[in-house]
């Protein structure tokens, strides 16, 4: 392989994450997606969970209702927000160098 040891981390999905987990509180530079369940199922709790992290370069909200997702993304404190798209990746992927 042209990559040296430790230079590749496979895409990973972590499920059943909680707000107290280190991975949910620190900025992760890698192809990692954390999935957390919102116990009450309310939009307010979901937004509060997102805003518990001090690091938030980007966030994404997926919903069948664009109005609902747009309302939520406006309340999430992150550098970049996207609705029904993974942090604008669909749009930005055309200019990525890899």
PDB file of N, CA and C in Angstrom:
ATOM      1  N   UNK A   1       0.828  -1.189   0.000  1.00  0.00           N
ATOM      2  CA  UNK A   1       0.000   0.000   0.000  1.00  0.00           C
ATOM      3  C   UNK A   1       0.868   1.245   0.000  1.00  0.00           C
ATOM      4  N   UNK A   2       0.421   2.268  -0.641  1.00  0.00           N
ATOM      5  CA  UNK A   2       1.191   3.510  -0.679  1.00  0.00           C
ATOM      6  C   UNK A   2       1.038   4.322   0.603  1.00  0.00           C
ATOM      7  N   UNK A   3       0.107   3.923   1.471  1.00  0.00           N
ATOM      8  CA  UNK A   3      -0.058   4.592   2.751  1.00  0.00           C
ATOM      9  C   UNK A   3       0.760   3.877   3.811  1.00  0.00           C
ATOM     10  N   UNK A   4       1.417   4.648   4.643  1.00  0.00           N
ATOM     11  CA  UNK A   4       2.198   4.067   5.719  1.00  0.00           C
ATOM     12  C   UNK A   4       1.307   3.547   6.831  1.00  0.00           C
ATOM     13  N   UNK A   5       1.888   2.780   7.720  1.00  0.00           N
ATOM     14  CA  UNK A   5       1.134   2.233   8.850  1.00  0.00           C
ATOM     15  C   UNK A   5       0.495   3.363   9.648  1.00  0.00           C
ATOM     16  N   UNK A   6      -0.768   3.200   9.990  1.00  0.00           N
ATOM     17  CA  UNK A   6      -1.472   4.203  10.774  1.00  0.00           C
ATOM     18  C   UNK A   6      -2.010   5.367   9.968  1.00  0.00           C
ATOM     19  N   UNK A   7      -1.861   5.327   8.651  1.00  0.00           N
ATOM     20  CA  UNK A   7      -2.307   6.428   7.802  1.00  0.00           C
ATOM     21  C   UNK A   7      -3.716   6.228   7.241  1.00  0.00           C
ATOM     22  N   UNK A   8      -4.352   5.128   7.573  1.00  0.00           N
ATOM     23  CA  UNK A   8      -5.697   4.854   7.070  1.00  0.00           C
ATOM     24  C   UNK A   8      -6.574   4.344   8.202  1.00  0.00           C
ATOM     25  N   UNK A   9      -7.756   4.907   8.303  1.00  0.00           N
ATOM     26  CA  UNK A   9      -8.739   4.431   9.273  1.00  0.00           C
ATOM     27  C   UNK A   9     -10.012   4.147   8.493  1.00  0.00           C
ATOM     28  N   UNK A  10     -10.520   2.947   8.563  1.00  0.00           N
ATOM     29  CA  UNK A  10     -11.696   2.605   7.754  1.00  0.00           C
ATOM     30  C   UNK A  10     -12.937   3.372   8.209  1.00  0.00           C
ATOM     31  N   UNK A  11     -13.840   3.685   7.296  1.00  0.00           N
ATOM     32  CA  UNK A  11     -15.097   4.331   7.679  1.00  0.00           C
ATOM     33  C   UNK A  11     -15.808   3.492   8.747  1.00  0.00           C
ATOM     34  N   UNK A  12     -16.287   4.176   9.790  1.00  0.00           N
ATOM     35  CA  UNK A  12     -16.841   3.488  10.940  1.00  0.00           C
ATOM     36  C   UNK A  12     -18.125   4.164  11.402  1.00  0.00           C
ATOM     37  N   UNK A  13     -19.121   3.374  11.739  1.00  0.00           N
ATOM     38  CA  UNK A  13     -20.362   3.877  12.319  1.00  0.00           C
ATOM     39  C   UNK A  13     -20.468   3.329  13.740  1.00  0.00           C
ATOM     40  N   UNK A  14     -20.597   4.223  14.708  1.00  0.00           N
ATOM     41  CA  UNK A  14     -20.771   3.839  16.108  1.00  0.00           C
ATOM     42  C   UNK A  14     -22.227   4.086  16.479  1.00  0.00           C
ATOM     43  N   UNK A  15     -22.889   3.064  16.979  1.00  0.00           N
ATOM     44  CA  UNK A  15     -24.304   3.199  17.333  1.00  0.00           C
ATOM     45  C   UNK A  15     -24.480   3.178  18.846  1.00  0.00           C
ATOM     46  N   UNK A  16     -25.636   3.614  19.286  1.00  0.00           N
ATOM     47  CA  UNK A  16     -25.972   3.667  20.714  1.00  0.00           C
ATOM     48  C   UNK A  16     -25.009   4.549  21.498  1.00  0.00           C
ATOM     49  N   UNK A  17     -24.556   5.625  20.887  1.00  0.00           N
ATOM     50  CA  UNK A  17     -23.678   6.575  21.575  1.00  0.00           C
ATOM     51  C   UNK A  17     -24.506   7.406  22.553  1.00  0.00           C
ATOM     52  N   UNK A  18     -23.856   7.842  23.625  1.00  0.00           N
ATOM     53  CA  UNK A  18     -24.508   8.728  24.591  1.00  0.00           C
ATOM     54  C   UNK A  18     -23.708  10.014  24.705  1.00  0.00           C
ATOM     55  N   UNK A  19     -24.342  11.049  25.204  1.00  0.00           N
ATOM     56  CA  UNK A  19     -23.703  12.360  25.309  1.00  0.00           C
ATOM     57  C   UNK A  19     -22.480  12.344  26.216  1.00  0.00           C
ATOM     58  N   UNK A  20     -22.378  11.384  27.116  1.00  0.00           N
ATOM     59  CA  UNK A  20     -21.249  11.346  28.049  1.00  0.00           C
ATOM     60  C   UNK A  20     -20.016  10.651  27.474  1.00  0.00           C
ATOM     61  N   UNK A  21     -20.151  10.008  26.328  1.00  0.00           N
ATOM     62  CA  UNK A  21     -19.007   9.311  25.727  1.00  0.00           C
ATOM     63  C   UNK A  21     -17.980  10.309  25.200  1.00  0.00           C
ATOM     64  N   UNK A  22     -16.725   9.986  25.367  1.00  0.00           N
ATOM     65  CA  UNK A  22     -15.634  10.853  24.909  1.00  0.00           C
ATOM     66  C   UNK A  22     -15.760  11.177  23.418  1.00  0.00           C
ATOM     67  N   UNK A  23     -16.134  10.202  22.616  1.00  0.00           N
ATOM     68  CA  UNK A  23     -16.252  10.393  21.171  1.00  0.00           C
ATOM     69  C   UNK A  23     -17.314  11.438  20.834  1.00  0.00           C
ATOM     70  N   UNK A  24     -18.278  11.627  21.736  1.00  0.00           N
ATOM     71  CA  UNK A  24     -19.338  12.614  21.508  1.00  0.00           C
ATOM     72  C   UNK A  24     -18.957  14.000  22.016  1.00  0.00           C
ATOM     73  N   UNK A  25     -17.848  14.101  22.745  1.00  0.00           N
ATOM     74  CA  UNK A  25     -17.440  15.368  23.330  1.00  0.00           C
ATOM     75  C   UNK A  25     -16.197  15.977  22.696  1.00  0.00           C
ATOM     76  N   UNK A  26     -15.520  15.214  21.852  1.00  0.00           N
ATOM     77  CA  UNK A  26     -14.293  15.698  21.242  1.00  0.00           C
ATOM     78  C   UNK A  26     -14.430  15.718  19.732  1.00  0.00           C
ATOM     79  N   UNK A  27     -13.631  16.553  19.117  1.00  0.00           N
ATOM     80  CA  UNK A  27     -13.647  16.637  17.664  1.00  0.00           C
ATOM     81  C   UNK A  27     -12.887  15.444  17.095  1.00  0.00           C
ATOM     82  N   UNK A  28     -13.513  14.765  16.176  1.00  0.00           N
ATOM     83  CA  UNK A  28     -12.930  13.557  15.599  1.00  0.00           C
ATOM     84  C   UNK A  28     -12.586  13.836  14.138  1.00  0.00           C
ATOM     85  N   UNK A  29     -11.338  13.653  13.792  1.00  0.00           N
ATOM     86  CA  UNK A  29     -10.924  13.828  12.405  1.00  0.00           C
ATOM     87  C   UNK A  29     -10.751  12.460  11.790  1.00  0.00           C
ATOM     88  N   UNK A  30     -11.768  11.991  11.171  1.00  0.00           N
ATOM     89  CA  UNK A  30     -11.741  10.680  10.556  1.00  0.00           C
ATOM     90  C   UNK A  30     -13.122  10.336  10.055  1.00  0.00           C
ATOM     91  N   UNK A  31     -13.209   9.272   9.302  1.00  0.00           N
ATOM     92  CA  UNK A  31     -14.511   8.864   8.742  1.00  0.00           C
ATOM     93  C   UNK A  31     -15.343   8.104   9.763  1.00  0.00           C
ATOM     94  N   UNK A  32     -15.794   8.831  10.797  1.00  0.00           N
ATOM     95  CA  UNK A  32     -16.541   8.208  11.882  1.00  0.00           C
ATOM     96  C   UNK A  32     -17.885   8.909  12.029  1.00  0.00           C
ATOM     97  N   UNK A  33     -18.938   8.124  12.084  1.00  0.00           N
ATOM     98  CA  UNK A  33     -20.270   8.676  12.327  1.00  0.00           C
ATOM     99  C   UNK A  33     -20.790   8.096  13.625  1.00  0.00           C
ATOM    100  N   UNK A  34     -21.187   8.974  14.535  1.00  0.00           N
ATOM    101  CA  UNK A  34     -21.774   8.556  15.805  1.00  0.00           C
ATOM    102  C   UNK A  34     -23.281   8.696  15.718  1.00  0.00           C
ATOM    103  N   UNK A  35     -23.991   7.644  16.102  1.00  0.00           N
ATOM    104  CA  UNK A  35     -25.447   7.651  16.073  1.00  0.00           C
ATOM    105  C   UNK A  35     -25.939   7.565  17.516  1.00  0.00           C
ATOM    106  N   UNK A  36     -26.759   8.550  17.894  1.00  0.00           N
ATOM    107  CA  UNK A  36     -27.319   8.585  19.244  1.00  0.00           C
ATOM    108  C   UNK A  36     -28.833   8.632  19.161  1.00  0.00           C
ATOM    109  N   UNK A  37     -29.477   7.989  20.076  1.00  0.00           N
ATOM    110  CA  UNK A  37     -30.940   7.973  20.129  1.00  0.00           C
ATOM    111  C   UNK A  37     -31.402   9.085  21.077  1.00  0.00           C
ATOM    112  N   UNK A  38     -32.414   9.809  20.675  1.00  0.00           N
ATOM    113  CA  UNK A  38     -33.009  10.848  21.509  1.00  0.00           C
ATOM    114  C   UNK A  38     -34.138  10.188  22.303  1.00  0.00           C
ATOM    115  N   UNK A  39     -33.934  10.070  23.599  1.00  0.00           N
ATOM    116  CA  UNK A  39     -34.850   9.301  24.450  1.00  0.00           C
ATOM    117  C   UNK A  39     -36.293   9.774  24.347  1.00  0.00           C
ATOM    118  N   UNK A  40     -36.505  11.080  24.417  1.00  0.00           N
ATOM    119  CA  UNK A  40     -37.877  11.593  24.394  1.00  0.00           C
ATOM    120  C   UNK A  40     -38.430  11.691  22.976  1.00  0.00           C
ATOM    121  N   UNK A  41     -37.538  11.692  22.016  1.00  0.00           N
ATOM    122  CA  UNK A  41     -37.973  11.809  20.627  1.00  0.00           C
ATOM    123  C   UNK A  41     -38.361  13.220  20.222  1.00  0.00           C
ATOM    124  N   UNK A  42     -38.065  14.204  21.068  1.00  0.00           N
ATOM    125  CA  UNK A  42     -38.443  15.576  20.747  1.00  0.00           C
ATOM    126  C   UNK A  42     -37.317  16.303  20.027  1.00  0.00           C
ATOM    127  N   UNK A  43     -37.699  17.255  19.199  1.00  0.00           N
ATOM    128  CA  UNK A  43     -36.711  18.069  18.501  1.00  0.00           C
ATOM    129  C   UNK A  43     -35.875  18.875  19.489  1.00  0.00           C
ATOM    130  N   UNK A  44     -36.506  19.382  20.533  1.00  0.00           N
ATOM    131  CA  UNK A  44     -35.783  20.190  21.523  1.00  0.00           C
ATOM    132  C   UNK A  44     -34.669  19.384  22.184  1.00  0.00           C
ATOM    133  N   UNK A  45     -34.951  18.131  22.537  1.00  0.00           N
ATOM    134  CA  UNK A  45     -33.909  17.300  23.157  1.00  0.00           C
ATOM    135  C   UNK A  45     -32.793  16.984  22.163  1.00  0.00           C
ATOM    136  N   UNK A  46     -33.155  16.745  20.932  1.00  0.00           N
ATOM    137  CA  UNK A  46     -32.139  16.463  19.914  1.00  0.00           C
ATOM    138  C   UNK A  46     -31.211  17.662  19.724  1.00  0.00           C
ATOM    139  N   UNK A  47     -31.770  18.853  19.656  1.00  0.00           N
ATOM    140  CA  UNK A  47     -30.965  20.069  19.503  1.00  0.00           C
ATOM    141  C   UNK A  47     -30.090  20.274  20.735  1.00  0.00           C
ATOM    142  N   UNK A  48     -30.660  20.074  21.925  1.00  0.00           N
ATOM    143  CA  UNK A  48     -29.879  20.221  23.162  1.00  0.00           C
ATOM    144  C   UNK A  48     -28.716  19.238  23.190  1.00  0.00           C
ATOM    145  N   UNK A  49     -28.948  18.004  22.738  1.00  0.00           N
ATOM    146  CA  UNK A  49     -27.880  17.003  22.694  1.00  0.00           C
ATOM    147  C   UNK A  49     -26.762  17.458  21.760  1.00  0.00           C
ATOM    148  N   UNK A  50     -27.132  17.977  20.621  1.00  0.00           N
ATOM    149  CA  UNK A  50     -26.128  18.464  19.666  1.00  0.00           C
ATOM    150  C   UNK A  50     -25.320  19.614  20.250  1.00  0.00           C
ATOM    151  N   UNK A  51     -25.978  20.486  20.979  1.00  0.00           N
ATOM    152  CA  UNK A  51     -25.311  21.676  21.505  1.00  0.00           C
ATOM    153  C   UNK A  51     -24.501  21.419  22.774  1.00  0.00           C
ATOM    154  N   UNK A  52     -24.469  20.187  23.271  1.00  0.00           N
ATOM    155  CA  UNK A  52     -23.656  19.854  24.443  1.00  0.00           C
ATOM    156  C   UNK A  52     -22.174  19.767  24.122  1.00  0.00           C
ATOM    157  N   UNK A  53     -21.831  19.596  22.873  1.00  0.00           N
ATOM    158  CA  UNK A  53     -20.439  19.429  22.464  1.00  0.00           C
ATOM    159  C   UNK A  53     -19.809  20.795  22.187  1.00  0.00           C
ATOM    160  N   UNK A  54     -18.605  21.016  22.716  1.00  0.00           N
ATOM    161  CA  UNK A  54     -17.911  22.278  22.486  1.00  0.00           C
ATOM    162  C   UNK A  54     -17.335  22.384  21.079  1.00  0.00           C
ATOM    163  N   UNK A  55     -17.175  21.265  20.401  1.00  0.00           N
ATOM    164  CA  UNK A  55     -16.618  21.246  19.053  1.00  0.00           C
ATOM    165  C   UNK A  55     -17.716  20.873  18.072  1.00  0.00           C
ATOM    166  N   UNK A  56     -17.946  21.715  17.109  1.00  0.00           N
ATOM    167  CA  UNK A  56     -18.974  21.391  16.114  1.00  0.00           C
ATOM    168  C   UNK A  56     -18.657  22.134  14.824  1.00  0.00           C
ATOM    169  N   UNK A  57     -17.834  21.523  14.012  1.00  0.00           N
ATOM    170  CA  UNK A  57     -17.533  22.128  12.719  1.00  0.00           C
ATOM    171  C   UNK A  57     -18.737  22.047  11.799  1.00  0.00           C
ATOM    172  N   UNK A  58     -19.457  20.948  11.886  1.00  0.00           N
ATOM    173  CA  UNK A  58     -20.614  20.778  11.016  1.00  0.00           C
ATOM    174  C   UNK A  58     -21.642  19.875  11.637  1.00  0.00           C
ATOM    175  N   UNK A  59     -22.863  20.007  11.160  1.00  0.00           N
ATOM    176  CA  UNK A  59     -23.939  19.151  11.622  1.00  0.00           C
ATOM    177  C   UNK A  59     -24.917  18.937  10.482  1.00  0.00           C
ATOM    178  N   UNK A  60     -25.710  17.888  10.603  1.00  0.00           N
ATOM    179  CA  UNK A  60     -26.704  17.578   9.590  1.00  0.00           C
ATOM    180  C   UNK A  60     -27.967  17.064  10.276  1.00  0.00           C
ATOM    181  N   UNK A  61     -29.113  17.467   9.751  1.00  0.00           N
ATOM    182  CA  UNK A  61     -30.395  16.997  10.245  1.00  0.00           C
ATOM    183  C   UNK A  61     -31.125  16.354   9.079  1.00  0.00           C
ATOM    184  N   UNK A  62     -31.589  15.129   9.297  1.00  0.00           N
ATOM    185  CA  UNK A  62     -32.336  14.403   8.273  1.00  0.00           C
ATOM    186  C   UNK A  62     -33.780  14.251   8.727  1.00  0.00           C
ATOM    187  N   UNK A  63     -34.708  14.579   7.847  1.00  0.00           N
ATOM    188  CA  UNK A  63     -36.126  14.463   8.167  1.00  0.00           C
ATOM    189  C   UNK A  63     -36.942  14.412   6.887  1.00  0.00           C
ATOM    190  N   UNK A  64     -38.086  13.763   6.947  1.00  0.00           N
ATOM    191  CA  UNK A  64     -39.011  13.776   5.812  1.00  0.00           C
ATOM    192  C   UNK A  64     -39.625  15.159   5.636  1.00  0.00           C
ATOM    193  N   UNK A  65     -39.579  15.960   6.707  1.00  0.00           N
ATOM    194  CA  UNK A  65     -40.100  17.325   6.667  1.00  0.00           C
ATOM    195  C   UNK A  65     -38.948  18.320   6.572  1.00  0.00           C
ATOM    196  N   UNK A  66     -38.796  18.942   5.432  1.00  0.00           N
ATOM    197  CA  UNK A  66     -37.723  19.926   5.258  1.00  0.00           C
ATOM    198  C   UNK A  66     -37.913  21.103   6.212  1.00  0.00           C
ATOM    199  N   UNK A  67     -39.154  21.495   6.460  1.00  0.00           N
ATOM    200  CA  UNK A  67     -39.430  22.595   7.389  1.00  0.00           C
ATOM    201  C   UNK A  67     -38.951  22.247   8.792  1.00  0.00           C
ATOM    202  N   UNK A  68     -39.246  21.026   9.253  1.00  0.00           N
ATOM    203  CA  UNK A  68     -38.821  20.586  10.583  1.00  0.00           C
ATOM    204  C   UNK A  68     -37.297  20.566  10.687  1.00  0.00           C
ATOM    205  N   UNK A  69     -36.633  19.981   9.698  1.00  0.00           N
ATOM    206  CA  UNK A  69     -35.174  19.897   9.718  1.00  0.00           C
ATOM    207  C   UNK A  69     -34.542  21.280   9.668  1.00  0.00           C
ATOM    208  N   UNK A  70     -35.085  22.170   8.869  1.00  0.00           N
ATOM    209  CA  UNK A  70     -34.557  23.538   8.771  1.00  0.00           C
ATOM    210  C   UNK A  70     -34.694  24.267  10.102  1.00  0.00           C
ATOM    211  N   UNK A  71     -35.816  24.065  10.771  1.00  0.00           N
ATOM    212  CA  UNK A  71     -36.026  24.678  12.083  1.00  0.00           C
ATOM    213  C   UNK A  71     -34.999  24.176  13.086  1.00  0.00           C
ATOM    214  N   UNK A  72     -34.702  22.884  13.042  1.00  0.00           N
ATOM    215  CA  UNK A  72     -33.731  22.312  13.980  1.00  0.00           C
ATOM    216  C   UNK A  72     -32.320  22.794  13.677  1.00  0.00           C
ATOM    217  N   UNK A  73     -31.925  22.784  12.419  1.00  0.00           N
ATOM    218  CA  UNK A  73     -30.538  23.123  12.063  1.00  0.00           C
ATOM    219  C   UNK A  73     -30.216  24.568  12.423  1.00  0.00           C
ATOM    220  N   UNK A  74     -31.203  25.434  12.403  1.00  0.00           N
ATOM    221  CA  UNK A  74     -30.998  26.844  12.769  1.00  0.00           C
ATOM    222  C   UNK A  74     -30.679  27.003  14.247  1.00  0.00           C
ATOM    223  N   UNK A  75     -31.059  26.022  15.064  1.00  0.00           N
ATOM    224  CA  UNK A  75     -30.825  26.106  16.515  1.00  0.00           C
ATOM    225  C   UNK A  75     -29.572  25.352  16.959  1.00  0.00           C
ATOM    226  N   UNK A  76     -28.932  24.641  16.051  1.00  0.00           N
ATOM    227  CA  UNK A  76     -27.720  23.889  16.397  1.00  0.00           C
ATOM    228  C   UNK A  76     -26.509  24.792  16.211  1.00  0.00           C
ATOM    229  N   UNK A  77     -25.689  24.859  17.251  1.00  0.00           N
ATOM    230  CA  UNK A  77     -24.501  25.713  17.233  1.00  0.00           C
ATOM    231  C   UNK A  77     -23.347  24.972  16.567  1.00  0.00           C
ATOM    232  N   UNK A  78     -23.202  25.169  15.279  1.00  0.00           N
ATOM    233  CA  UNK A  78     -22.143  24.498  14.522  1.00  0.00           C
ATOM    234  C   UNK A  78     -21.664  25.435  13.416  1.00  0.00           C
ATOM    235  N   UNK A  79     -20.452  25.189  12.965  1.00  0.00           N
ATOM    236  CA  UNK A  79     -19.890  26.018  11.908  1.00  0.00           C
ATOM    237  C   UNK A  79     -20.646  25.907  10.597  1.00  0.00           C
ATOM    238  N   UNK A  80     -21.137  24.724  10.307  1.00  0.00           N
ATOM    239  CA  UNK A  80     -21.851  24.490   9.058  1.00  0.00           C
ATOM    240  C   UNK A  80     -23.005  23.540   9.346  1.00  0.00           C
ATOM    241  N   UNK A  81     -24.137  23.787   8.731  1.00  0.00           N
ATOM    242  CA  UNK A  81     -25.286  22.916   8.928  1.00  0.00           C
ATOM    243  C   UNK A  81     -25.897  22.535   7.596  1.00  0.00           C
ATOM    244  N   UNK A  82     -26.443  21.347   7.532  1.00  0.00           N
ATOM    245  CA  UNK A  82     -27.060  20.873   6.296  1.00  0.00           C
ATOM    246  C   UNK A  82     -28.364  20.163   6.620  1.00  0.00           C
ATOM    247  N   UNK A  83     -29.283  20.229   5.676  1.00  0.00           N
ATOM    248  CA  UNK A  83     -30.570  19.552   5.805  1.00  0.00           C
ATOM    249  C   UNK A  83     -30.628  18.441   4.765  1.00  0.00           C
ATOM    250  N   UNK A  84     -30.863  17.224   5.227  1.00  0.00           N
ATOM    251  CA  UNK A  84     -30.970  16.045   4.359  1.00  0.00           C
ATOM    252  C   UNK A  84     -29.752  15.862   3.453  1.00  0.00           C
ATOM    253  N   UNK A  85     -28.609  16.194   3.966  1.00  0.00           N
ATOM    254  CA  UNK A  85     -27.335  16.037   3.263  1.00  0.00           C
ATOM    255  C   UNK A  85     -26.270  15.932   4.343  1.00  0.00           C
ATOM    256  N   UNK A  86     -25.256  15.171   4.111  1.00  0.00           N
ATOM    257  CA  UNK A  86     -24.226  14.989   5.126  1.00  0.00           C
ATOM    258  C   UNK A  86     -23.234  16.142   5.075  1.00  0.00           C
ATOM    259  N   UNK A  87     -23.535  17.189   5.829  1.00  0.00           N
ATOM    260  CA  UNK A  87     -22.662  18.361   5.965  1.00  0.00           C
ATOM    261  C   UNK A  87     -22.298  18.984   4.624  1.00  0.00           C
ATOM    262  N   UNK A  88     -23.218  18.964   3.706  1.00  0.00           N
ATOM    263  CA  UNK A  88     -22.959  19.570   2.411  1.00  0.00           C
ATOM    264  C   UNK A  88     -22.064  18.740   1.520  1.00  0.00           C
ATOM    265  N   UNK A  89     -21.835  17.485   1.874  1.00  0.00           N
ATOM    266  CA  UNK A  89     -20.897  16.646   1.134  1.00  0.00           C
ATOM    267  C   UNK A  89     -21.312  16.452  -0.321  1.00  0.00           C
ATOM    268  N   UNK A  90     -22.592  16.287  -0.557  1.00  0.00           N
ATOM    269  CA  UNK A  90     -23.029  16.081  -1.929  1.00  0.00           C
ATOM    270  C   UNK A  90     -22.594  17.256  -2.797  1.00  0.00           C
ATOM    271  N   UNK A  91     -22.739  18.453  -2.275  1.00  0.00           N
ATOM    272  CA  UNK A  91     -22.347  19.649  -3.020  1.00  0.00           C
ATOM    273  C   UNK A  91     -20.838  19.812  -3.059  1.00  0.00           C
ATOM    274  N   UNK A  92     -20.168  19.599  -1.923  1.00  0.00           N
ATOM    275  CA  UNK A  92     -18.734  19.866  -1.833  1.00  0.00           C
ATOM    276  C   UNK A  92     -17.859  18.765  -2.418  1.00  0.00           C
ATOM    277  N   UNK A  93     -18.372  17.547  -2.559  1.00  0.00           N
ATOM    278  CA  UNK A  93     -17.527  16.430  -2.952  1.00  0.00           C
ATOM    279  C   UNK A  93     -16.876  16.616  -4.316  1.00  0.00           C
ATOM    280  N   UNK A  94     -17.444  17.413  -5.159  1.00  0.00           N
ATOM    281  CA  UNK A  94     -16.863  17.616  -6.478  1.00  0.00           C
ATOM    282  C   UNK A  94     -15.510  18.318  -6.419  1.00  0.00           C
ATOM    283  N   UNK A  95     -15.214  19.013  -5.310  1.00  0.00           N
ATOM    284  CA  UNK A  95     -13.956  19.735  -5.244  1.00  0.00           C
ATOM    285  C   UNK A  95     -12.957  19.129  -4.277  1.00  0.00           C
ATOM    286  N   UNK A  96     -13.281  17.981  -3.684  1.00  0.00           N
ATOM    287  CA  UNK A  96     -12.345  17.346  -2.759  1.00  0.00           C
ATOM    288  C   UNK A  96     -11.162  16.754  -3.519  1.00  0.00           C
ATOM    289  N   UNK A  97      -9.971  16.831  -2.940  1.00  0.00           N
ATOM    290  CA  UNK A  97      -8.792  16.322  -3.645  1.00  0.00           C
ATOM    291  C   UNK A  97      -8.571  14.816  -3.517  1.00  0.00           C
ATOM    292  N   UNK A  98      -9.441  14.120  -2.827  1.00  0.00           N
ATOM    293  CA  UNK A  98      -9.234  12.681  -2.669  1.00  0.00           C
ATOM    294  C   UNK A  98     -10.495  11.905  -2.932  1.00  0.00           C
TER     295      UNK A  98
END
